[in-house]
Amino acid sequence: MRAIVFIISILAFIGAIYFLVDDFVNTLSFHHAVYISLLIIVLCNSIVGMLMTWPMLISRKNKS
C-alpha cells in the first residue's frame, strides 16, 4: 500500500512540474495566479507524500 502511495506521489510531482513549466506564462490574470498557486500546492503535497512514505519503503527492504 505504501508503494502505491509513493508511486502516486511521484506521478503527481511529475504532472505538477510539467503543467507548471508548460503553463508558466507572464500573464497578470487572477485566474492564472490561482491556477499556478494550486499547482504549487499539489507540488508541495506530492513532495510531502514522498517524504512520508520513503523511510517506510527503505525499512521494509532492510527487514527482508
N, C-alpha and C. Protein backbone atom coordinates (compact mmCIF):
# COMPACT_ATOMS: atom_id res chain seq x y z
N MET A 1 0.82 -1.20 0.00
CA MET A 1 0.00 0.00 0.00
C MET A 1 0.87 1.26 0.00
N ARG A 2 1.95 1.22 0.78
CA ARG A 2 2.84 2.39 0.83
C ARG A 2 3.52 2.63 -0.52
N ALA A 3 3.81 1.55 -1.22
CA ALA A 3 4.45 1.70 -2.53
C ALA A 3 3.51 2.37 -3.51
N ILE A 4 2.22 2.05 -3.42
CA ILE A 4 1.23 2.67 -4.32
C ILE A 4 1.13 4.16 -4.04
N VAL A 5 1.12 4.54 -2.75
CA VAL A 5 1.06 5.95 -2.38
C VAL A 5 2.32 6.67 -2.86
N PHE A 6 3.47 6.01 -2.76
CA PHE A 6 4.71 6.60 -3.23
C PHE A 6 4.68 6.81 -4.75
N ILE A 7 4.19 5.84 -5.48
CA ILE A 7 4.11 5.95 -6.94
C ILE A 7 3.14 7.06 -7.34
N ILE A 8 2.01 7.16 -6.65
CA ILE A 8 1.04 8.23 -6.95
C ILE A 8 1.65 9.59 -6.66
N SER A 9 2.43 9.70 -5.58
CA SER A 9 3.09 10.96 -5.26
C SER A 9 4.11 11.34 -6.33
N ILE A 10 4.83 10.37 -6.83
CA ILE A 10 5.80 10.65 -7.90
C ILE A 10 5.08 11.10 -9.17
N LEU A 11 3.98 10.44 -9.52
CA LEU A 11 3.23 10.83 -10.71
C LEU A 11 2.63 12.23 -10.56
N ALA A 12 2.13 12.55 -9.37
CA ALA A 12 1.59 13.90 -9.13
C ALA A 12 2.70 14.94 -9.21
N PHE A 13 3.88 14.61 -8.71
CA PHE A 13 5.02 15.52 -8.78
C PHE A 13 5.41 15.80 -10.23
N ILE A 14 5.50 14.75 -11.02
CA ILE A 14 5.86 14.91 -12.43
C ILE A 14 4.79 15.70 -13.18
N GLY A 15 3.53 15.40 -12.91
CA GLY A 15 2.44 16.14 -13.57
C GLY A 15 2.41 17.59 -13.17
N ALA A 16 2.63 17.89 -11.90
CA ALA A 16 2.63 19.28 -11.45
C ALA A 16 3.80 20.05 -12.06
N ILE A 17 4.96 19.43 -12.11
CA ILE A 17 6.12 20.10 -12.73
C ILE A 17 5.86 20.35 -14.21
N TYR A 18 5.30 19.36 -14.90
CA TYR A 18 5.03 19.52 -16.33
C TYR A 18 4.07 20.69 -16.59
N PHE A 19 2.94 20.70 -15.88
CA PHE A 19 1.97 21.76 -16.11
C PHE A 19 2.46 23.11 -15.62
N LEU A 20 3.28 23.12 -14.57
CA LEU A 20 3.84 24.38 -14.09
C LEU A 20 4.79 24.98 -15.11
N VAL A 21 5.63 24.15 -15.71
CA VAL A 21 6.57 24.64 -16.72
C VAL A 21 5.83 24.98 -18.01
N ASP A 22 4.87 24.16 -18.38
CA ASP A 22 4.14 24.36 -19.63
C ASP A 22 3.26 25.62 -19.59
N ASP A 23 2.63 25.89 -18.46
CA ASP A 23 1.68 26.99 -18.37
C ASP A 23 2.24 28.24 -17.72
N PHE A 24 3.54 28.26 -17.47
CA PHE A 24 4.13 29.43 -16.82
C PHE A 24 4.35 30.53 -17.86
N VAL A 25 3.38 31.39 -17.96
CA VAL A 25 3.42 32.49 -18.92
C VAL A 25 3.28 33.79 -18.12
N ASN A 26 3.87 34.83 -18.60
CA ASN A 26 3.81 36.10 -17.89
C ASN A 26 2.47 36.78 -18.14
N THR A 27 1.45 36.33 -17.45
CA THR A 27 0.14 36.97 -17.52
C THR A 27 -0.20 37.51 -16.15
N LEU A 28 -0.99 38.53 -16.14
CA LEU A 28 -1.36 39.16 -14.89
C LEU A 28 -2.80 38.83 -14.51
N SER A 29 -3.34 37.79 -15.06
CA SER A 29 -4.72 37.39 -14.79
C SER A 29 -4.83 36.76 -13.40
N PHE A 30 -5.91 37.08 -12.73
CA PHE A 30 -6.16 36.50 -11.41
C PHE A 30 -6.36 34.99 -11.51
N HIS A 31 -7.04 34.56 -12.54
CA HIS A 31 -7.30 33.12 -12.71
C HIS A 31 -6.00 32.35 -12.93
N HIS A 32 -5.09 32.96 -13.65
CA HIS A 32 -3.80 32.30 -13.89
C HIS A 32 -3.00 32.21 -12.59
N ALA A 33 -3.07 33.24 -11.77
CA ALA A 33 -2.37 33.23 -10.48
C ALA A 33 -2.94 32.14 -9.57
N VAL A 34 -4.25 31.98 -9.56
CA VAL A 34 -4.88 30.94 -8.76
C VAL A 34 -4.47 29.56 -9.28
N TYR A 35 -4.43 29.40 -10.59
CA TYR A 35 -4.05 28.13 -11.20
C TYR A 35 -2.61 27.77 -10.84
N ILE A 36 -1.70 28.72 -10.93
CA ILE A 36 -0.30 28.47 -10.60
C ILE A 36 -0.15 28.16 -9.12
N SER A 37 -0.89 28.87 -8.26
CA SER A 37 -0.80 28.59 -6.83
C SER A 37 -1.34 27.20 -6.49
N LEU A 38 -2.39 26.75 -7.18
CA LEU A 38 -2.89 25.40 -6.96
C LEU A 38 -1.88 24.35 -7.43
N LEU A 39 -1.19 24.62 -8.52
CA LEU A 39 -0.15 23.70 -8.98
C LEU A 39 0.99 23.62 -7.96
N ILE A 40 1.33 24.74 -7.36
CA ILE A 40 2.39 24.74 -6.35
C ILE A 40 1.95 23.97 -5.11
N ILE A 41 0.67 24.09 -4.75
CA ILE A 41 0.15 23.32 -3.61
C ILE A 41 0.20 21.82 -3.91
N VAL A 42 -0.16 21.41 -5.11
CA VAL A 42 -0.08 19.99 -5.49
C VAL A 42 1.37 19.52 -5.48
N LEU A 43 2.27 20.37 -5.93
CA LEU A 43 3.69 20.04 -5.94
C LEU A 43 4.19 19.82 -4.51
N CYS A 44 3.85 20.71 -3.61
CA CYS A 44 4.26 20.56 -2.20
C CYS A 44 3.62 19.34 -1.56
N ASN A 45 2.37 19.08 -1.89
CA ASN A 45 1.68 17.92 -1.34
C ASN A 45 2.33 16.62 -1.80
N SER A 46 2.74 16.56 -3.04
CA SER A 46 3.38 15.34 -3.54
C SER A 46 4.77 15.16 -2.93
N ILE A 47 5.48 16.26 -2.68
CA ILE A 47 6.79 16.15 -2.03
C ILE A 47 6.63 15.62 -0.61
N VAL A 48 5.63 16.12 0.12
CA VAL A 48 5.38 15.63 1.47
C VAL A 48 4.98 14.16 1.44
N GLY A 49 4.18 13.76 0.48
CA GLY A 49 3.79 12.35 0.35
C GLY A 49 4.98 11.46 0.09
N MET A 50 5.92 11.91 -0.74
CA MET A 50 7.11 11.11 -1.00
C MET A 50 7.99 11.03 0.24
N LEU A 51 8.13 12.14 0.96
CA LEU A 51 8.97 12.13 2.15
C LEU A 51 8.37 11.29 3.27
N MET A 52 7.05 11.20 3.33
CA MET A 52 6.42 10.40 4.38
C MET A 52 6.51 8.90 4.10
N THR A 53 6.48 8.50 2.84
CA THR A 53 6.50 7.07 2.52
C THR A 53 7.90 6.53 2.25
N TRP A 54 8.85 7.37 1.95
CA TRP A 54 10.20 6.90 1.61
C TRP A 54 10.86 6.12 2.74
N PRO A 55 10.88 6.62 3.99
CA PRO A 55 11.54 5.83 5.05
C PRO A 55 10.87 4.48 5.30
N MET A 56 9.56 4.39 5.11
CA MET A 56 8.87 3.12 5.33
C MET A 56 9.23 2.11 4.25
N LEU A 57 9.45 2.59 3.02
CA LEU A 57 9.86 1.67 1.96
C LEU A 57 11.28 1.18 2.18
N ILE A 58 12.16 2.05 2.67
CA ILE A 58 13.54 1.64 2.93
C ILE A 58 13.60 0.65 4.08
N SER A 59 12.83 0.89 5.14
CA SER A 59 12.87 -0.02 6.29
C SER A 59 12.31 -1.39 5.94
N ARG A 60 11.35 -1.44 5.03
CA ARG A 60 10.82 -2.74 4.61
C ARG A 60 11.87 -3.52 3.82
N LYS A 61 12.68 -2.83 2.99
CA LYS A 61 13.73 -3.53 2.23
C LYS A 61 14.81 -4.05 3.15
N ASN A 62 15.13 -3.31 4.22
CA ASN A 62 16.18 -3.74 5.13
C ASN A 62 15.75 -4.94 5.96
N LYS A 63 14.47 -5.10 6.24
CA LYS A 63 13.98 -6.23 7.04
C LYS A 63 13.97 -7.51 6.21
N SER A 64 13.85 -7.40 4.90
CA SER A 64 13.75 -8.59 4.04
C SER A 64 15.08 -9.29 3.90
